[in-house]
């Protein structure tokens, strides 16, 4: 209890304080809601005779946008996991071997995998641009340009995640569907798509809902390893996520108070999104 309750309580207290960790405990100053105002607040700014409403911390909103943008790959990853699960649920030779191969990236250390993808995306000697050069194409600077950095990280995340936990959960869900339903559909003359749409997809809705909820939570909390190992948060902050921004405040700029505030803001965002998903998404879940 003390190893979980004390850090949570301490971070909540620090969220209302200003603390440069280098100055030690004596440097802690009470800030009230000042940290929250400086991060998510807005102020009127007068420029060229015009008054506009501008955020106090534009980086917060930019990095929150980056986080949500990277999470747009979640539906693609779920669809890929479902497709793999359906294919690997069929009877064919060496099925268990293929299941192991697809699940293998999940068992590897993410840092090593991101280093591998950083080499693949390297614009000078990377594997991807070399393959493109064989076709007479000149590949871009994948991780060094704003336009390509996010898609590159999303592609690496999809490769690592499609054959992971989502696929295994879908496999478990598929094996729990009664075979009698498919046999009855075959007798009625239903083709493969009709069996999938009217039997497989509705009965997998609890699994889909669980994977979606956990993916959204993980999406808001993730992105640190990819940004740290592949791009350093660049170029121009285009791949910096909320998790990486918290790390920067805490261990690069040593602003522990702001880092704790960001952590609690992220917690509130995740909680609200999760509750809304349960409120509206739970209605579409079919239990049998």
C-alpha atoms as a PDB file:
ATOM      1  CA  UNK A   1       0.000   0.000   0.000  1.00  0.00           C
ATOM      2  CA  UNK A   2       2.738   2.494   0.962  1.00  0.00           C
ATOM      3  CA  UNK A   3       4.626   1.905  -2.305  1.00  0.00           C
ATOM      4  CA  UNK A   4       1.579   3.005  -4.316  1.00  0.00           C
ATOM      5  CA  UNK A   5      -0.321   5.397  -2.043  1.00  0.00           C
ATOM      6  CA  UNK A   6       2.670   7.550  -1.041  1.00  0.00           C
ATOM      7  CA  UNK A   7       3.876   8.321  -4.608  1.00  0.00           C
ATOM      8  CA  UNK A   8       0.314   9.123  -5.710  1.00  0.00           C
ATOM      9  CA  UNK A   9      -0.231  11.438  -2.732  1.00  0.00           C
ATOM     10  CA  UNK A  10       3.171  13.062  -3.232  1.00  0.00           C
ATOM     11  CA  UNK A  11       2.532  13.700  -6.932  1.00  0.00           C
ATOM     12  CA  UNK A  12      -0.868  15.218  -6.137  1.00  0.00           C
ATOM     13  CA  UNK A  13       0.760  17.551  -3.612  1.00  0.00           C
ATOM     14  CA  UNK A  14       3.534  18.473  -6.032  1.00  0.00           C
ATOM     15  CA  UNK A  15       0.955  19.301  -8.703  1.00  0.00           C
ATOM     16  CA  UNK A  16       0.075  22.387  -6.638  1.00  0.00           C
ATOM     17  CA  UNK A  17       3.691  23.370  -6.009  1.00  0.00           C
ATOM     18  CA  UNK A  18       6.648  24.817  -7.873  1.00  0.00           C
ATOM     19  CA  UNK A  19       9.762  22.780  -7.376  1.00  0.00           C
ATOM     20  CA  UNK A  20      13.090  22.877  -9.126  1.00  0.00           C
ATOM     21  CA  UNK A  21      14.489  19.531  -8.001  1.00  0.00           C
ATOM     22  CA  UNK A  22      18.066  20.853  -8.059  1.00  0.00           C
ATOM     23  CA  UNK A  23      17.256  23.226  -5.194  1.00  0.00           C
ATOM     24  CA  UNK A  24      16.244  20.335  -2.937  1.00  0.00           C
ATOM     25  CA  UNK A  25      13.250  20.118  -0.647  1.00  0.00           C
ATOM     26  CA  UNK A  26      13.799  23.676   0.533  1.00  0.00           C
ATOM     27  CA  UNK A  27      12.952  24.931  -2.942  1.00  0.00           C
ATOM     28  CA  UNK A  28       9.344  23.718  -2.841  1.00  0.00           C
ATOM     29  CA  UNK A  29       6.910  26.642  -3.139  1.00  0.00           C
ATOM     30  CA  UNK A  30       3.137  26.519  -2.940  1.00  0.00           C
ATOM     31  CA  UNK A  31       1.589  27.548  -6.275  1.00  0.00           C
ATOM     32  CA  UNK A  32      -2.066  26.639  -5.812  1.00  0.00           C
ATOM     33  CA  UNK A  33      -3.645  26.149  -9.219  1.00  0.00           C
ATOM     34  CA  UNK A  34      -0.912  28.212 -10.840  1.00  0.00           C
ATOM     35  CA  UNK A  35       0.624  25.196 -12.562  1.00  0.00           C
ATOM     36  CA  UNK A  36      -2.733  24.243 -14.045  1.00  0.00           C
ATOM     37  CA  UNK A  37      -3.299  27.790 -15.288  1.00  0.00           C
ATOM     38  CA  UNK A  38       0.157  27.971 -16.856  1.00  0.00           C
ATOM     39  CA  UNK A  39      -0.372  24.692 -18.702  1.00  0.00           C
ATOM     40  CA  UNK A  40      -4.009  24.629 -19.820  1.00  0.00           C
ATOM     41  CA  UNK A  41      -5.076  28.235 -19.265  1.00  0.00           C
ATOM     42  CA  UNK A  42      -5.630  30.960 -21.862  1.00  0.00           C
ATOM     43  CA  UNK A  43      -4.782  34.656 -21.751  1.00  0.00           C
ATOM     44  CA  UNK A  44      -5.630  37.666 -23.867  1.00  0.00           C
ATOM     45  CA  UNK A  45      -2.688  38.838 -25.959  1.00  0.00           C
ATOM     46  CA  UNK A  46      -2.501  42.221 -27.697  1.00  0.00           C
ATOM     47  CA  UNK A  47      -0.628  42.113 -31.005  1.00  0.00           C
ATOM     48  CA  UNK A  48      -0.685  44.764 -33.729  1.00  0.00           C
ATOM     49  CA  UNK A  49      -3.621  46.454 -32.070  1.00  0.00           C
ATOM     50  CA  UNK A  50      -5.689  43.244 -31.972  1.00  0.00           C
ATOM     51  CA  UNK A  51      -6.638  41.311 -28.868  1.00  0.00           C
ATOM     52  CA  UNK A  52      -6.655  37.548 -29.221  1.00  0.00           C
ATOM     53  CA  UNK A  53      -7.077  34.654 -26.835  1.00  0.00           C
ATOM     54  CA  UNK A  54      -3.930  32.517 -26.772  1.00  0.00           C
ATOM     55  CA  UNK A  55      -2.907  29.497 -24.678  1.00  0.00           C
ATOM     56  CA  UNK A  56      -0.450  30.092 -21.869  1.00  0.00           C
ATOM     57  CA  UNK A  57       1.509  26.992 -22.882  1.00  0.00           C
ATOM     58  CA  UNK A  58       1.160  26.300 -26.626  1.00  0.00           C
ATOM     59  CA  UNK A  59       3.424  23.266 -26.269  1.00  0.00           C
ATOM     60  CA  UNK A  60       0.888  21.491 -24.052  1.00  0.00           C
ATOM     61  CA  UNK A  61      -1.828  21.672 -26.690  1.00  0.00           C
ATOM     62  CA  UNK A  62       0.608  20.812 -29.466  1.00  0.00           C
ATOM     63  CA  UNK A  63       1.844  17.702 -27.661  1.00  0.00           C
ATOM     64  CA  UNK A  64      -1.682  16.695 -26.709  1.00  0.00           C
ATOM     65  CA  UNK A  65      -2.563  16.922 -30.400  1.00  0.00           C
ATOM     66  CA  UNK A  66       0.497  14.801 -31.243  1.00  0.00           C
ATOM     67  CA  UNK A  67      -0.642  12.167 -28.759  1.00  0.00           C
ATOM     68  CA  UNK A  68      -4.179  12.029 -30.164  1.00  0.00           C
ATOM     69  CA  UNK A  69      -2.847  12.026 -33.730  1.00  0.00           C
ATOM     70  CA  UNK A  70      -0.622   9.015 -33.039  1.00  0.00           C
ATOM     71  CA  UNK A  71      -3.613   7.279 -31.448  1.00  0.00           C
ATOM     72  CA  UNK A  72      -5.445   7.462 -34.779  1.00  0.00           C
ATOM     73  CA  UNK A  73      -3.573   4.263 -35.661  1.00  0.00           C
ATOM     74  CA  UNK A  74      -5.520   2.343 -32.999  1.00  0.00           C
ATOM     75  CA  UNK A  75      -8.440   1.351 -35.317  1.00  0.00           C
ATOM     76  CA  UNK A  76      -5.959   0.185 -37.953  1.00  0.00           C
ATOM     77  CA  UNK A  77      -4.107  -1.878 -35.372  1.00  0.00           C
ATOM     78  CA  UNK A  78      -7.324  -3.419 -34.082  1.00  0.00           C
ATOM     79  CA  UNK A  79      -8.444  -4.284 -37.602  1.00  0.00           C
ATOM     80  CA  UNK A  80      -5.068  -5.856 -38.334  1.00  0.00           C
ATOM     81  CA  UNK A  81      -5.162  -7.854 -35.096  1.00  0.00           C
ATOM     82  CA  UNK A  82      -8.652  -9.121 -35.911  1.00  0.00           C
ATOM     83  CA  UNK A  83      -7.648 -10.098 -39.445  1.00  0.00           C
ATOM     84  CA  UNK A  84      -4.613 -11.990 -38.175  1.00  0.00           C
ATOM     85  CA  UNK A  85      -6.669 -13.701 -35.490  1.00  0.00           C
ATOM     86  CA  UNK A  86      -9.282 -14.850 -38.009  1.00  0.00           C
ATOM     87  CA  UNK A  87      -6.577 -16.226 -40.315  1.00  0.00           C
ATOM     88  CA  UNK A  88      -4.611 -17.905 -37.524  1.00  0.00           C
ATOM     89  CA  UNK A  89      -7.772 -19.424 -36.074  1.00  0.00           C
ATOM     90  CA  UNK A  90      -8.156 -21.642 -39.138  1.00  0.00           C
ATOM     91  CA  UNK A  91      -6.706 -25.128 -39.342  1.00  0.00           C
ATOM     92  CA  UNK A  92      -3.530 -25.283 -41.462  1.00  0.00           C
ATOM     93  CA  UNK A  93      -0.028 -26.762 -41.135  1.00  0.00           C
ATOM     94  CA  UNK A  94       2.433 -24.999 -38.781  1.00  0.00           C
ATOM     95  CA  UNK A  95      -0.320 -22.806 -37.366  1.00  0.00           C
ATOM     96  CA  UNK A  96       1.325 -22.585 -33.930  1.00  0.00           C
ATOM     97  CA  UNK A  97       4.626 -21.587 -35.526  1.00  0.00           C
ATOM     98  CA  UNK A  98       2.992 -18.675 -37.344  1.00  0.00           C
ATOM     99  CA  UNK A  99       1.249 -17.612 -34.139  1.00  0.00           C
ATOM    100  CA  UNK A 100       4.621 -17.544 -32.399  1.00  0.00           C
ATOM    101  CA  UNK A 101       6.252 -15.567 -35.208  1.00  0.00           C
ATOM    102  CA  UNK A 102       3.560 -12.884 -35.202  1.00  0.00           C
ATOM    103  CA  UNK A 103       3.610 -12.633 -31.400  1.00  0.00           C
ATOM    104  CA  UNK A 104       7.427 -12.510 -31.194  1.00  0.00           C
ATOM    105  CA  UNK A 105       7.803  -8.681 -31.463  1.00  0.00           C
ATOM    106  CA  UNK A 106       5.670  -8.327 -28.352  1.00  0.00           C
ATOM    107  CA  UNK A 107       8.162 -10.450 -26.419  1.00  0.00           C
ATOM    108  CA  UNK A 108      11.151  -8.358 -27.518  1.00  0.00           C
ATOM    109  CA  UNK A 109      12.502  -5.314 -25.692  1.00  0.00           C
ATOM    110  CA  UNK A 110      10.823  -2.204 -27.181  1.00  0.00           C
ATOM    111  CA  UNK A 111      14.048  -0.185 -27.009  1.00  0.00           C
ATOM    112  CA  UNK A 112      15.829  -2.667 -29.282  1.00  0.00           C
ATOM    113  CA  UNK A 113      12.921  -2.709 -31.725  1.00  0.00           C
ATOM    114  CA  UNK A 114      12.795   1.093 -31.929  1.00  0.00           C
ATOM    115  CA  UNK A 115      16.553   1.159 -32.574  1.00  0.00           C
ATOM    116  CA  UNK A 116      15.958  -1.321 -35.395  1.00  0.00           C
ATOM    117  CA  UNK A 117      13.235   0.867 -36.882  1.00  0.00           C
ATOM    118  CA  UNK A 118      15.428   3.953 -36.559  1.00  0.00           C
ATOM    119  CA  UNK A 119      17.953   2.183 -38.784  1.00  0.00           C
ATOM    120  CA  UNK A 120      15.222   1.090 -41.214  1.00  0.00           C
ATOM    121  CA  UNK A 121      13.986   4.685 -41.552  1.00  0.00           C
ATOM    122  CA  UNK A 122      17.456   6.238 -41.812  1.00  0.00           C
ATOM    123  CA  UNK A 123      17.494   8.456 -44.884  1.00  0.00           C
ATOM    124  CA  UNK A 124      21.138   7.719 -45.801  1.00  0.00           C
ATOM    125  CA  UNK A 125      21.764   4.025 -45.136  1.00  0.00           C
ATOM    126  CA  UNK A 126      18.384   2.733 -43.993  1.00  0.00           C
ATOM    127  CA  UNK A 127      16.791  -0.423 -45.355  1.00  0.00           C
ATOM    128  CA  UNK A 128      13.576   1.255 -46.518  1.00  0.00           C
ATOM    129  CA  UNK A 129      15.245   3.900 -48.677  1.00  0.00           C
ATOM    130  CA  UNK A 130      17.617   1.248 -50.078  1.00  0.00           C
ATOM    131  CA  UNK A 131      14.641  -0.842 -51.188  1.00  0.00           C
ATOM    132  CA  UNK A 132      13.029   2.230 -52.741  1.00  0.00           C
ATOM    133  CA  UNK A 133      16.250   3.064 -54.573  1.00  0.00           C
ATOM    134  CA  UNK A 134      16.142  -0.358 -56.239  1.00  0.00           C
ATOM    135  CA  UNK A 135      12.847   0.741 -57.789  1.00  0.00           C
ATOM    136  CA  UNK A 136      14.338   4.058 -58.881  1.00  0.00           C
ATOM    137  CA  UNK A 137      12.641   6.034 -56.117  1.00  0.00           C
ATOM    138  CA  UNK A 138      14.283   8.512 -53.758  1.00  0.00           C
ATOM    139  CA  UNK A 139      12.971   7.997 -50.251  1.00  0.00           C
ATOM    140  CA  UNK A 140      12.384  10.966 -47.939  1.00  0.00           C
ATOM    141  CA  UNK A 141      14.001  11.701 -44.606  1.00  0.00           C
ATOM    142  CA  UNK A 142      11.452   9.653 -42.695  1.00  0.00           C
ATOM    143  CA  UNK A 143      12.336  10.707 -39.151  1.00  0.00           C
ATOM    144  CA  UNK A 144      13.808  14.111 -39.975  1.00  0.00           C
ATOM    145  CA  UNK A 145      10.790  15.821 -41.541  1.00  0.00           C
ATOM    146  CA  UNK A 146       7.568  16.907 -39.896  1.00  0.00           C
ATOM    147  CA  UNK A 147       5.432  15.381 -42.646  1.00  0.00           C
ATOM    148  CA  UNK A 148       6.875  11.861 -42.317  1.00  0.00           C
ATOM    149  CA  UNK A 149       7.916  11.550 -38.662  1.00  0.00           C
ATOM    150  CA  UNK A 150       4.458  10.748 -37.249  1.00  0.00           C
ATOM    151  CA  UNK A 151       3.540   8.204 -39.978  1.00  0.00           C
ATOM    152  CA  UNK A 152       6.907   6.506 -39.466  1.00  0.00           C
ATOM    153  CA  UNK A 153       6.353   6.072 -35.727  1.00  0.00           C
ATOM    154  CA  UNK A 154       2.798   4.902 -36.351  1.00  0.00           C
ATOM    155  CA  UNK A 155       4.040   2.309 -38.847  1.00  0.00           C
ATOM    156  CA  UNK A 156       6.608   1.003 -36.366  1.00  0.00           C
ATOM    157  CA  UNK A 157       3.960   0.813 -33.651  1.00  0.00           C
ATOM    158  CA  UNK A 158       1.567  -1.060 -35.927  1.00  0.00           C
ATOM    159  CA  UNK A 159       4.222  -3.614 -36.842  1.00  0.00           C
ATOM    160  CA  UNK A 160       4.956  -4.203 -33.164  1.00  0.00           C
ATOM    161  CA  UNK A 161       1.348  -4.276 -31.991  1.00  0.00           C
ATOM    162  CA  UNK A 162      -0.801  -6.002 -34.606  1.00  0.00           C
ATOM    163  CA  UNK A 163       0.449  -9.466 -33.711  1.00  0.00           C
ATOM    164  CA  UNK A 164       0.497  -8.779 -29.976  1.00  0.00           C
ATOM    165  CA  UNK A 165      -2.003  -8.830 -27.186  1.00  0.00           C
ATOM    166  CA  UNK A 166      -4.922  -7.753 -29.355  1.00  0.00           C
ATOM    167  CA  UNK A 167      -4.441 -10.700 -31.686  1.00  0.00           C
ATOM    168  CA  UNK A 168      -4.234 -13.115 -28.747  1.00  0.00           C
ATOM    169  CA  UNK A 169      -7.413 -11.712 -27.203  1.00  0.00           C
ATOM    170  CA  UNK A 170      -9.251 -11.999 -30.511  1.00  0.00           C
ATOM    171  CA  UNK A 171      -8.017 -15.587 -30.855  1.00  0.00           C
ATOM    172  CA  UNK A 172      -9.404 -16.378 -27.413  1.00  0.00           C
ATOM    173  CA  UNK A 173     -12.698 -14.703 -28.330  1.00  0.00           C
ATOM    174  CA  UNK A 174     -12.974 -16.616 -31.600  1.00  0.00           C
ATOM    175  CA  UNK A 175     -12.432 -19.935 -29.861  1.00  0.00           C
ATOM    176  CA  UNK A 176     -15.231 -19.086 -27.447  1.00  0.00           C
ATOM    177  CA  UNK A 177     -17.862 -18.710 -30.187  1.00  0.00           C
ATOM    178  CA  UNK A 178     -20.057 -21.848 -30.408  1.00  0.00           C
ATOM    179  CA  UNK A 179     -19.436 -23.806 -33.593  1.00  0.00           C
ATOM    180  CA  UNK A 180     -23.139 -24.611 -33.815  1.00  0.00           C
ATOM    181  CA  UNK A 181     -23.842 -21.035 -34.904  1.00  0.00           C
ATOM    182  CA  UNK A 182     -21.569 -21.384 -37.940  1.00  0.00           C
ATOM    183  CA  UNK A 183     -23.035 -24.776 -38.788  1.00  0.00           C
ATOM    184  CA  UNK A 184     -26.548 -23.325 -38.687  1.00  0.00           C
ATOM    185  CA  UNK A 185     -25.420 -20.436 -40.898  1.00  0.00           C
ATOM    186  CA  UNK A 186     -23.903 -22.887 -43.396  1.00  0.00           C
ATOM    187  CA  UNK A 187     -27.196 -24.790 -43.541  1.00  0.00           C
ATOM    188  CA  UNK A 188     -29.006 -21.507 -44.239  1.00  0.00           C
ATOM    189  CA  UNK A 189     -26.604 -20.815 -47.103  1.00  0.00           C
ATOM    190  CA  UNK A 190     -24.711 -17.897 -45.544  1.00  0.00           C
ATOM    191  CA  UNK A 191     -21.383 -17.047 -47.199  1.00  0.00           C
ATOM    192  CA  UNK A 192     -18.165 -16.121 -45.381  1.00  0.00           C
ATOM    193  CA  UNK A 193     -18.849 -12.392 -45.077  1.00  0.00           C
ATOM    194  CA  UNK A 194     -22.369 -12.958 -43.760  1.00  0.00           C
ATOM    195  CA  UNK A 195     -21.052 -15.406 -41.152  1.00  0.00           C
ATOM    196  CA  UNK A 196     -18.449 -12.892 -40.076  1.00  0.00           C
ATOM    197  CA  UNK A 197     -20.801  -9.885 -39.976  1.00  0.00           C
ATOM    198  CA  UNK A 198     -23.744 -11.561 -38.259  1.00  0.00           C
ATOM    199  CA  UNK A 199     -21.962 -14.058 -35.990  1.00  0.00           C
ATOM    200  CA  UNK A 200     -18.247 -13.359 -35.488  1.00  0.00           C
ATOM    201  CA  UNK A 201     -18.322  -9.576 -35.214  1.00  0.00           C
ATOM    202  CA  UNK A 202     -21.268  -9.262 -32.776  1.00  0.00           C
ATOM    203  CA  UNK A 203     -19.967 -12.039 -30.518  1.00  0.00           C
ATOM    204  CA  UNK A 204     -16.506 -10.450 -30.486  1.00  0.00           C
ATOM    205  CA  UNK A 205     -17.893  -7.085 -29.372  1.00  0.00           C
ATOM    206  CA  UNK A 206     -16.885  -7.578 -25.679  1.00  0.00           C
ATOM    207  CA  UNK A 207     -13.325  -8.369 -26.776  1.00  0.00           C
ATOM    208  CA  UNK A 208     -13.288  -5.436 -29.195  1.00  0.00           C
ATOM    209  CA  UNK A 209     -14.558  -3.072 -26.523  1.00  0.00           C
ATOM    210  CA  UNK A 210     -11.918  -4.241 -24.041  1.00  0.00           C
ATOM    211  CA  UNK A 211      -9.108  -3.900 -26.591  1.00  0.00           C
ATOM    212  CA  UNK A 212     -10.348  -0.420 -27.543  1.00  0.00           C
ATOM    213  CA  UNK A 213     -10.478   0.795 -23.936  1.00  0.00           C
ATOM    214  CA  UNK A 214      -7.032  -0.537 -23.067  1.00  0.00           C
ATOM    215  CA  UNK A 215      -5.586   0.783 -26.340  1.00  0.00           C
ATOM    216  CA  UNK A 216      -6.920   4.280 -25.684  1.00  0.00           C
ATOM    217  CA  UNK A 217      -5.508   4.264 -22.157  1.00  0.00           C
ATOM    218  CA  UNK A 218      -2.184   2.959 -23.431  1.00  0.00           C
ATOM    219  CA  UNK A 219      -2.210   5.485 -26.276  1.00  0.00           C
ATOM    220  CA  UNK A 220      -2.488   8.462 -23.929  1.00  0.00           C
ATOM    221  CA  UNK A 221       0.200   7.059 -21.651  1.00  0.00           C
ATOM    222  CA  UNK A 222       2.519   5.807 -24.395  1.00  0.00           C
ATOM    223  CA  UNK A 223       4.756   7.267 -27.037  1.00  0.00           C
ATOM    224  CA  UNK A 224       7.726   7.914 -24.778  1.00  0.00           C
ATOM    225  CA  UNK A 225       9.995   5.078 -25.924  1.00  0.00           C
ATOM    226  CA  UNK A 226       9.354   5.714 -29.616  1.00  0.00           C
ATOM    227  CA  UNK A 227       9.956   9.454 -29.309  1.00  0.00           C
ATOM    228  CA  UNK A 228      13.026   9.032 -27.114  1.00  0.00           C
ATOM    229  CA  UNK A 229      14.733   6.341 -29.193  1.00  0.00           C
ATOM    230  CA  UNK A 230      13.719   7.293 -32.740  1.00  0.00           C
ATOM    231  CA  UNK A 231      13.320  11.072 -32.970  1.00  0.00           C
ATOM    232  CA  UNK A 232      14.109  12.677 -29.623  1.00  0.00           C
ATOM    233  CA  UNK A 233      10.690  14.277 -29.818  1.00  0.00           C
ATOM    234  CA  UNK A 234      11.487  16.068 -33.067  1.00  0.00           C
ATOM    235  CA  UNK A 235      11.578  17.347 -35.648  1.00  0.00           C
ATOM    236  CA  UNK A 236      10.242  20.612 -34.225  1.00  0.00           C
ATOM    237  CA  UNK A 237       8.389  18.712 -31.498  1.00  0.00           C
ATOM    238  CA  UNK A 238       6.192  16.911 -34.030  1.00  0.00           C
ATOM    239  CA  UNK A 239       6.573  13.531 -32.283  1.00  0.00           C
ATOM    240  CA  UNK A 240       6.653  14.699 -28.664  1.00  0.00           C
ATOM    241  CA  UNK A 241       3.782  13.111 -26.749  1.00  0.00           C
ATOM    242  CA  UNK A 242       2.328  13.906 -23.351  1.00  0.00           C
ATOM    243  CA  UNK A 243       4.423  11.164 -21.735  1.00  0.00           C
ATOM    244  CA  UNK A 244       7.599  12.560 -23.277  1.00  0.00           C
ATOM    245  CA  UNK A 245       6.628  16.097 -22.252  1.00  0.00           C
ATOM    246  CA  UNK A 246       6.249  14.903 -18.652  1.00  0.00           C
ATOM    247  CA  UNK A 247       9.714  13.351 -18.879  1.00  0.00           C
ATOM    248  CA  UNK A 248      11.185  16.575 -20.266  1.00  0.00           C
ATOM    249  CA  UNK A 249       9.729  18.669 -17.464  1.00  0.00           C
ATOM    250  CA  UNK A 250      10.866  16.247 -14.771  1.00  0.00           C
ATOM    251  CA  UNK A 251      14.302  15.103 -15.903  1.00  0.00           C
ATOM    252  CA  UNK A 252      15.442  17.606 -18.539  1.00  0.00           C
ATOM    253  CA  UNK A 253      14.219  20.901 -17.109  1.00  0.00           C
ATOM    254  CA  UNK A 254      13.890  19.564 -13.507  1.00  0.00           C
ATOM    255  CA  UNK A 255      10.469  21.164 -13.022  1.00  0.00           C
ATOM    256  CA  UNK A 256       8.925  18.461 -10.861  1.00  0.00           C
ATOM    257  CA  UNK A 257       5.869  20.533 -10.012  1.00  0.00           C
ATOM    258  CA  UNK A 258       4.906  20.993 -13.660  1.00  0.00           C
ATOM    259  CA  UNK A 259       5.648  17.336 -14.388  1.00  0.00           C
ATOM    260  CA  UNK A 260       3.312  16.246 -11.569  1.00  0.00           C
ATOM    261  CA  UNK A 261       0.652  18.648 -12.829  1.00  0.00           C
ATOM    262  CA  UNK A 262       0.939  17.239 -16.332  1.00  0.00           C
ATOM    263  CA  UNK A 263       0.627  13.708 -14.931  1.00  0.00           C
ATOM    264  CA  UNK A 264      -2.615  14.544 -13.154  1.00  0.00           C
ATOM    265  CA  UNK A 265      -4.000  16.376 -16.190  1.00  0.00           C
ATOM    266  CA  UNK A 266      -3.226  13.284 -18.250  1.00  0.00           C
ATOM    267  CA  UNK A 267      -4.937  11.123 -15.625  1.00  0.00           C
ATOM    268  CA  UNK A 268      -8.063  13.285 -15.777  1.00  0.00           C
ATOM    269  CA  UNK A 269      -8.111  13.128 -19.588  1.00  0.00           C
ATOM    270  CA  UNK A 270      -7.755   9.339 -19.563  1.00  0.00           C
ATOM    271  CA  UNK A 271     -10.455   8.974 -16.908  1.00  0.00           C
ATOM    272  CA  UNK A 272     -12.926  11.189 -18.779  1.00  0.00           C
ATOM    273  CA  UNK A 273     -12.317   9.438 -22.119  1.00  0.00           C
ATOM    274  CA  UNK A 274     -12.635   6.026 -20.465  1.00  0.00           C
ATOM    275  CA  UNK A 275     -15.904   6.954 -18.736  1.00  0.00           C
ATOM    276  CA  UNK A 276     -17.329   8.333 -21.977  1.00  0.00           C
ATOM    277  CA  UNK A 277     -16.311   5.160 -23.789  1.00  0.00           C
ATOM    278  CA  UNK A 278     -18.035   3.035 -21.162  1.00  0.00           C
ATOM    279  CA  UNK A 279     -21.094   5.288 -21.276  1.00  0.00           C
ATOM    280  CA  UNK A 280     -21.622   5.279 -25.036  1.00  0.00           C
ATOM    281  CA  UNK A 281     -19.554   2.371 -26.334  1.00  0.00           C
ATOM    282  CA  UNK A 282     -20.903  -0.097 -23.799  1.00  0.00           C
ATOM    283  CA  UNK A 283     -24.319   0.070 -25.456  1.00  0.00           C
ATOM    284  CA  UNK A 284     -22.960  -1.607 -28.560  1.00  0.00           C
ATOM    285  CA  UNK A 285     -21.512  -4.578 -26.722  1.00  0.00           C
ATOM    286  CA  UNK A 286     -23.402  -7.846 -27.185  1.00  0.00           C
ATOM    287  CA  UNK A 287     -22.992 -10.509 -24.511  1.00  0.00           C
ATOM    288  CA  UNK A 288     -24.027 -14.095 -25.130  1.00  0.00           C
END
